[in-house]
Amino acid sequence: MILDLPVWEQADVVCCQEFWYDNQEIFDMYVSTLQQRYRMHGLQRPGAMRPDGLFMAVSREWEVVHEADIDFEDVACRCAQLLHLRRAAGSDGTPRELLVANVHLLFPHNDESIRIRVREL
């Protein structure tokens, strides 16, 4: 099972795509399994016909300074989530900061799709 993978013990940030929001039991399983180590941030794709979306788990060692949810307002209901993270100062006294983007890109069906993906990036 995905939640048994070593990544959940090793990573400070885990980004998932195609996360299924349509099943409350699965959603609750992720939250109950991860909530001790992580804060969860999610974004369901816009549009009533899209039950999937993005999911980010961020280690509680990081502070979320800002979160931006982006709707590309396209026919495929693509979206992105951007987090500005900050961690306590290191040995040099400088706080650690990080920008993390989780993007639900259009699948490249043809040359036009590739141009759309570049715009999404």
N, C-alpha and C. Protein backbone atom coordinates (compact mmCIF):
# COMPACT_ATOMS: atom_id res chain seq x y z
N MET A 1 0.84 -1.17 0.00
CA MET A 1 0.00 0.00 0.00
C MET A 1 0.89 1.25 0.00
N ILE A 2 0.41 2.30 -0.60
CA ILE A 2 1.17 3.54 -0.74
C ILE A 2 1.61 4.09 0.61
N LEU A 3 0.74 4.03 1.60
CA LEU A 3 1.06 4.61 2.91
C LEU A 3 2.11 3.80 3.67
N ASP A 4 2.48 2.64 3.18
CA ASP A 4 3.52 1.83 3.81
C ASP A 4 4.90 2.07 3.20
N LEU A 5 4.99 2.90 2.18
CA LEU A 5 6.27 3.14 1.52
C LEU A 5 7.22 3.93 2.43
N PRO A 6 8.53 3.71 2.30
CA PRO A 6 9.50 4.42 3.15
C PRO A 6 9.49 5.94 2.97
N VAL A 7 8.98 6.43 1.87
CA VAL A 7 8.98 7.87 1.62
C VAL A 7 8.31 8.63 2.77
N TRP A 8 7.32 8.05 3.40
CA TRP A 8 6.58 8.73 4.47
C TRP A 8 7.41 8.88 5.75
N GLU A 9 8.47 8.11 5.88
CA GLU A 9 9.35 8.23 7.03
C GLU A 9 10.57 9.10 6.72
N GLN A 10 10.86 9.30 5.42
CA GLN A 10 12.10 9.94 5.01
C GLN A 10 11.93 11.36 4.47
N ALA A 11 10.81 11.66 3.87
CA ALA A 11 10.64 12.92 3.15
C ALA A 11 10.02 14.00 4.02
N ASP A 12 10.48 15.23 3.82
CA ASP A 12 9.85 16.38 4.47
C ASP A 12 8.61 16.84 3.73
N VAL A 13 8.61 16.65 2.41
CA VAL A 13 7.47 17.05 1.58
C VAL A 13 7.19 15.93 0.59
N VAL A 14 5.92 15.56 0.48
CA VAL A 14 5.50 14.55 -0.50
C VAL A 14 4.36 15.17 -1.31
N CYS A 15 4.53 15.18 -2.63
CA CYS A 15 3.50 15.72 -3.53
C CYS A 15 2.85 14.58 -4.30
N CYS A 16 1.54 14.54 -4.27
CA CYS A 16 0.79 13.50 -4.99
C CYS A 16 -0.14 14.16 -5.99
N GLN A 17 -0.30 13.50 -7.10
CA GLN A 17 -1.29 13.91 -8.10
C GLN A 17 -2.28 12.77 -8.26
N GLU A 18 -3.40 13.08 -8.86
CA GLU A 18 -4.46 12.10 -9.04
C GLU A 18 -4.96 11.58 -7.70
N PHE A 19 -4.88 12.42 -6.67
CA PHE A 19 -5.39 12.03 -5.35
C PHE A 19 -6.91 12.01 -5.42
N TRP A 20 -7.52 10.94 -4.96
CA TRP A 20 -8.96 10.73 -5.12
C TRP A 20 -9.73 11.30 -3.93
N TYR A 21 -10.47 12.37 -4.16
CA TYR A 21 -11.25 13.02 -3.11
C TYR A 21 -12.67 12.48 -3.01
N ASP A 22 -13.04 11.60 -3.90
CA ASP A 22 -14.42 11.12 -3.98
C ASP A 22 -14.72 10.00 -2.99
N ASN A 23 -13.72 9.53 -2.26
CA ASN A 23 -13.92 8.43 -1.33
C ASN A 23 -13.50 8.88 0.07
N GLN A 24 -14.47 9.17 0.92
CA GLN A 24 -14.19 9.71 2.25
C GLN A 24 -13.37 8.74 3.09
N GLU A 25 -13.59 7.45 2.93
CA GLU A 25 -12.85 6.44 3.69
C GLU A 25 -11.35 6.50 3.38
N ILE A 26 -11.01 6.62 2.10
CA ILE A 26 -9.60 6.71 1.70
C ILE A 26 -9.00 8.03 2.19
N PHE A 27 -9.73 9.12 2.03
CA PHE A 27 -9.26 10.43 2.50
C PHE A 27 -8.97 10.37 4.00
N ASP A 28 -9.90 9.83 4.77
CA ASP A 28 -9.72 9.73 6.22
C ASP A 28 -8.53 8.83 6.58
N MET A 29 -8.29 7.79 5.80
CA MET A 29 -7.16 6.89 6.05
C MET A 29 -5.84 7.65 5.90
N TYR A 30 -5.72 8.47 4.86
CA TYR A 30 -4.51 9.27 4.68
C TYR A 30 -4.33 10.23 5.86
N VAL A 31 -5.38 10.93 6.22
CA VAL A 31 -5.29 11.92 7.30
C VAL A 31 -4.91 11.23 8.61
N SER A 32 -5.57 10.15 8.96
CA SER A 32 -5.28 9.49 10.25
C SER A 32 -3.88 8.89 10.27
N THR A 33 -3.40 8.41 9.14
CA THR A 33 -2.07 7.81 9.08
C THR A 33 -0.97 8.86 9.12
N LEU A 34 -1.19 10.00 8.50
CA LEU A 34 -0.13 10.99 8.31
C LEU A 34 -0.15 12.16 9.28
N GLN A 35 -1.25 12.39 9.97
CA GLN A 35 -1.41 13.65 10.71
C GLN A 35 -0.40 13.84 11.84
N GLN A 36 0.18 12.80 12.37
CA GLN A 36 1.15 12.98 13.44
C GLN A 36 2.45 13.60 12.92
N ARG A 37 2.88 13.20 11.73
CA ARG A 37 4.14 13.69 11.16
C ARG A 37 3.95 14.86 10.19
N TYR A 38 2.81 14.92 9.53
CA TYR A 38 2.60 15.88 8.44
C TYR A 38 1.37 16.76 8.65
N ARG A 39 1.43 17.92 7.99
CA ARG A 39 0.25 18.75 7.76
C ARG A 39 -0.15 18.48 6.31
N MET A 40 -1.42 18.32 6.06
CA MET A 40 -1.89 18.00 4.72
C MET A 40 -2.48 19.24 4.05
N HIS A 41 -2.16 19.37 2.76
CA HIS A 41 -2.69 20.46 1.94
C HIS A 41 -3.19 19.82 0.66
N GLY A 42 -4.43 20.12 0.32
CA GLY A 42 -4.99 19.49 -0.87
C GLY A 42 -5.75 20.49 -1.71
N LEU A 43 -5.92 20.11 -2.95
CA LEU A 43 -6.68 20.93 -3.89
C LEU A 43 -7.37 20.00 -4.88
N GLN A 44 -8.68 19.94 -4.79
CA GLN A 44 -9.44 19.15 -5.74
C GLN A 44 -9.54 19.91 -7.05
N ARG A 45 -9.41 19.17 -8.16
CA ARG A 45 -9.52 19.84 -9.46
C ARG A 45 -10.89 20.50 -9.57
N PRO A 46 -10.92 21.68 -10.18
CA PRO A 46 -12.20 22.39 -10.32
C PRO A 46 -13.12 21.65 -11.27
N GLY A 47 -14.40 21.84 -11.09
CA GLY A 47 -15.38 21.19 -11.96
C GLY A 47 -16.01 20.00 -11.26
N ALA A 48 -17.30 19.90 -11.33
CA ALA A 48 -18.04 18.87 -10.62
C ALA A 48 -17.72 17.45 -11.10
N MET A 49 -17.21 17.32 -12.31
CA MET A 49 -16.95 15.99 -12.87
C MET A 49 -15.54 15.49 -12.53
N ARG A 50 -14.77 16.21 -11.78
CA ARG A 50 -13.38 15.86 -11.49
C ARG A 50 -13.19 15.54 -10.00
N PRO A 51 -13.24 14.27 -9.62
CA PRO A 51 -13.12 13.93 -8.19
C PRO A 51 -11.68 13.80 -7.70
N ASP A 52 -10.71 14.07 -8.56
CA ASP A 52 -9.31 13.93 -8.16
C ASP A 52 -8.67 15.31 -8.04
N GLY A 53 -7.43 15.31 -7.59
CA GLY A 53 -6.71 16.57 -7.46
C GLY A 53 -5.32 16.37 -6.91
N LEU A 54 -4.83 17.39 -6.25
CA LEU A 54 -3.48 17.40 -5.71
C LEU A 54 -3.53 17.20 -4.20
N PHE A 55 -2.45 16.65 -3.68
CA PHE A 55 -2.32 16.43 -2.25
C PHE A 55 -0.86 16.59 -1.88
N MET A 56 -0.58 17.42 -0.87
CA MET A 56 0.79 17.58 -0.38
C MET A 56 0.81 17.32 1.11
N ALA A 57 1.80 16.55 1.52
CA ALA A 57 2.05 16.31 2.93
C ALA A 57 3.35 17.03 3.27
N VAL A 58 3.31 17.91 4.27
CA VAL A 58 4.46 18.73 4.65
C VAL A 58 4.81 18.41 6.10
N SER A 59 6.07 18.05 6.32
CA SER A 59 6.54 17.73 7.67
C SER A 59 6.21 18.87 8.62
N ARG A 60 5.83 18.53 9.83
CA ARG A 60 5.49 19.53 10.84
C ARG A 60 6.69 20.37 11.26
N GLU A 61 7.89 19.98 10.81
CA GLU A 61 9.09 20.78 11.08
C GLU A 61 9.11 22.05 10.24
N TRP A 62 8.28 22.09 9.20
CA TRP A 62 8.20 23.25 8.31
C TRP A 62 6.95 24.05 8.61
N GLU A 63 7.09 25.36 8.58
CA GLU A 63 5.96 26.28 8.72
C GLU A 63 5.48 26.64 7.32
N VAL A 64 4.18 26.62 7.11
CA VAL A 64 3.63 27.07 5.84
C VAL A 64 3.39 28.57 5.95
N VAL A 65 4.22 29.34 5.25
CA VAL A 65 4.15 30.80 5.31
C VAL A 65 3.00 31.30 4.43
N HIS A 66 2.84 30.67 3.27
CA HIS A 66 1.80 31.09 2.33
C HIS A 66 1.41 29.91 1.44
N GLU A 67 0.15 29.85 1.09
CA GLU A 67 -0.35 28.83 0.17
C GLU A 67 -1.15 29.51 -0.93
N ALA A 68 -0.88 29.12 -2.17
CA ALA A 68 -1.63 29.66 -3.31
C ALA A 68 -2.19 28.49 -4.12
N ASP A 69 -3.49 28.52 -4.32
CA ASP A 69 -4.16 27.53 -5.16
C ASP A 69 -4.44 28.18 -6.51
N ILE A 70 -4.07 27.49 -7.58
CA ILE A 70 -4.16 28.07 -8.92
C ILE A 70 -5.09 27.21 -9.77
N ASP A 71 -6.08 27.85 -10.38
CA ASP A 71 -6.99 27.20 -11.32
C ASP A 71 -6.62 27.71 -12.71
N PHE A 72 -6.19 26.82 -13.59
CA PHE A 72 -5.79 27.24 -14.94
C PHE A 72 -6.99 27.61 -15.81
N GLU A 73 -8.19 27.37 -15.30
CA GLU A 73 -9.42 27.72 -16.01
C GLU A 73 -9.41 27.22 -17.45
N ASP A 74 -9.01 25.96 -17.60
CA ASP A 74 -9.03 25.36 -18.94
C ASP A 74 -10.05 24.23 -18.99
N VAL A 75 -10.27 23.71 -20.16
CA VAL A 75 -11.28 22.69 -20.37
C VAL A 75 -10.95 21.39 -19.63
N ALA A 76 -9.70 21.16 -19.36
CA ALA A 76 -9.27 19.93 -18.68
C ALA A 76 -9.25 20.08 -17.15
N CYS A 77 -9.62 21.24 -16.65
CA CYS A 77 -9.70 21.49 -15.20
C CYS A 77 -8.35 21.27 -14.51
N ARG A 78 -7.29 21.80 -15.08
CA ARG A 78 -5.96 21.66 -14.49
C ARG A 78 -5.78 22.68 -13.38
N CYS A 79 -4.95 22.31 -12.42
CA CYS A 79 -4.72 23.20 -11.29
C CYS A 79 -3.30 23.02 -10.76
N ALA A 80 -2.92 23.89 -9.85
CA ALA A 80 -1.60 23.82 -9.22
C ALA A 80 -1.74 24.34 -7.79
N GLN A 81 -0.79 23.93 -6.98
CA GLN A 81 -0.75 24.41 -5.61
C GLN A 81 0.69 24.80 -5.32
N LEU A 82 0.88 25.96 -4.71
CA LEU A 82 2.20 26.48 -4.40
C LEU A 82 2.27 26.76 -2.90
N LEU A 83 3.31 26.23 -2.26
CA LEU A 83 3.51 26.48 -0.83
C LEU A 83 4.86 27.17 -0.62
N HIS A 84 4.86 28.20 0.20
CA HIS A 84 6.08 28.85 0.66
C HIS A 84 6.32 28.30 2.07
N LEU A 85 7.43 27.57 2.24
CA LEU A 85 7.73 26.91 3.51
C LEU A 85 8.94 27.55 4.17
N ARG A 86 8.94 27.51 5.51
CA ARG A 86 10.08 28.02 6.27
C ARG A 86 10.36 27.04 7.41
N ARG A 87 11.64 26.82 7.63
CA ARG A 87 12.08 25.92 8.70
C ARG A 87 12.99 26.70 9.64
N ALA A 88 13.07 26.26 10.86
CA ALA A 88 13.92 26.92 11.85
C ALA A 88 15.34 27.09 11.31
N ALA A 89 16.01 28.09 11.83
CA ALA A 89 17.37 28.42 11.38
C ALA A 89 18.31 27.24 11.56
N GLY A 90 19.23 27.11 10.62
CA GLY A 90 20.26 26.08 10.68
C GLY A 90 21.40 26.53 11.58
N SER A 91 22.48 25.80 11.56
CA SER A 91 23.63 26.10 12.42
C SER A 91 24.25 27.47 12.11
N ASP A 92 24.03 27.98 10.89
CA ASP A 92 24.57 29.30 10.54
C ASP A 92 23.62 30.44 10.92
N GLY A 93 22.48 30.10 11.51
CA GLY A 93 21.52 31.11 11.95
C GLY A 93 20.55 31.58 10.89
N THR A 94 20.68 31.05 9.68
CA THR A 94 19.81 31.46 8.58
C THR A 94 18.60 30.52 8.49
N PRO A 95 17.38 31.08 8.49
CA PRO A 95 16.22 30.22 8.33
C PRO A 95 16.23 29.58 6.94
N ARG A 96 15.71 28.40 6.85
CA ARG A 96 15.61 27.68 5.58
C ARG A 96 14.24 27.97 4.98
N GLU A 97 14.23 28.35 3.70
CA GLU A 97 12.97 28.61 3.02
C GLU A 97 12.93 27.81 1.74
N LEU A 98 11.72 27.47 1.34
CA LEU A 98 11.52 26.60 0.19
C LEU A 98 10.19 26.92 -0.47
N LEU A 99 10.18 26.94 -1.79
CA LEU A 99 8.93 27.03 -2.55
C LEU A 99 8.69 25.66 -3.17
N VAL A 100 7.48 25.13 -2.97
CA VAL A 100 7.13 23.82 -3.51
C VAL A 100 5.89 23.99 -4.38
N ALA A 101 5.98 23.53 -5.61
CA ALA A 101 4.84 23.58 -6.53
C ALA A 101 4.42 22.17 -6.88
N ASN A 102 3.14 21.92 -6.78
CA ASN A 102 2.55 20.65 -7.20
C ASN A 102 1.57 21.00 -8.31
N VAL A 103 1.84 20.51 -9.50
CA VAL A 103 1.08 20.93 -10.68
C VAL A 103 0.44 19.73 -11.35
N HIS A 104 -0.83 19.87 -11.65
CA HIS A 104 -1.56 18.84 -12.38
C HIS A 104 -1.53 19.24 -13.86
N LEU A 105 -0.52 18.73 -14.57
CA LEU A 105 -0.31 19.12 -15.96
C LEU A 105 -1.20 18.32 -16.91
N LEU A 106 -1.48 18.92 -18.03
CA LEU A 106 -2.20 18.25 -19.10
C LEU A 106 -1.37 17.10 -19.65
N PHE A 107 -1.99 15.95 -19.89
CA PHE A 107 -1.30 14.82 -20.49
C PHE A 107 -0.95 15.19 -21.94
N PRO A 108 0.28 14.92 -22.39
CA PRO A 108 0.69 15.34 -23.74
C PRO A 108 0.14 14.40 -24.84
N HIS A 109 -1.05 14.69 -25.29
CA HIS A 109 -1.68 13.88 -26.34
C HIS A 109 -1.13 14.18 -27.73
N ASN A 110 -0.67 15.41 -27.93
CA ASN A 110 -0.18 15.83 -29.25
C ASN A 110 0.70 17.07 -29.08
N ASP A 111 1.13 17.64 -30.20
CA ASP A 111 2.01 18.82 -30.14
C ASP A 111 1.35 20.01 -29.45
N GLU A 112 0.06 20.21 -29.67
CA GLU A 112 -0.64 21.31 -29.02
C GLU A 112 -0.66 21.12 -27.50
N SER A 113 -0.82 19.88 -27.06
CA SER A 113 -0.80 19.58 -25.63
C SER A 113 0.53 19.98 -25.00
N ILE A 114 1.60 19.77 -25.73
CA ILE A 114 2.92 20.13 -25.21
C ILE A 114 3.02 21.64 -25.02
N ARG A 115 2.46 22.40 -25.95
CA ARG A 115 2.47 23.87 -25.81
C ARG A 115 1.64 24.30 -24.60
N ILE A 116 0.53 23.61 -24.36
CA ILE A 116 -0.31 23.93 -23.21
C ILE A 116 0.43 23.62 -21.92
N ARG A 117 1.16 22.50 -21.89
CA ARG A 117 1.94 22.13 -20.70
C ARG A 117 3.00 23.18 -20.38
N VAL A 118 3.63 23.72 -21.40
CA VAL A 118 4.63 24.76 -21.19
C VAL A 118 3.96 25.98 -20.55
N ARG A 119 2.79 26.35 -21.02
CA ARG A 119 2.04 27.48 -20.44
C ARG A 119 1.69 27.18 -18.97
N GLU A 120 1.29 25.94 -18.68
CA GLU A 120 0.95 25.58 -17.31
C GLU A 120 2.16 25.68 -16.39
N LEU A 121 3.32 25.29 -16.91
CA LEU A 121 4.54 25.41 -16.10
C LEU A 121 4.87 26.87 -15.84
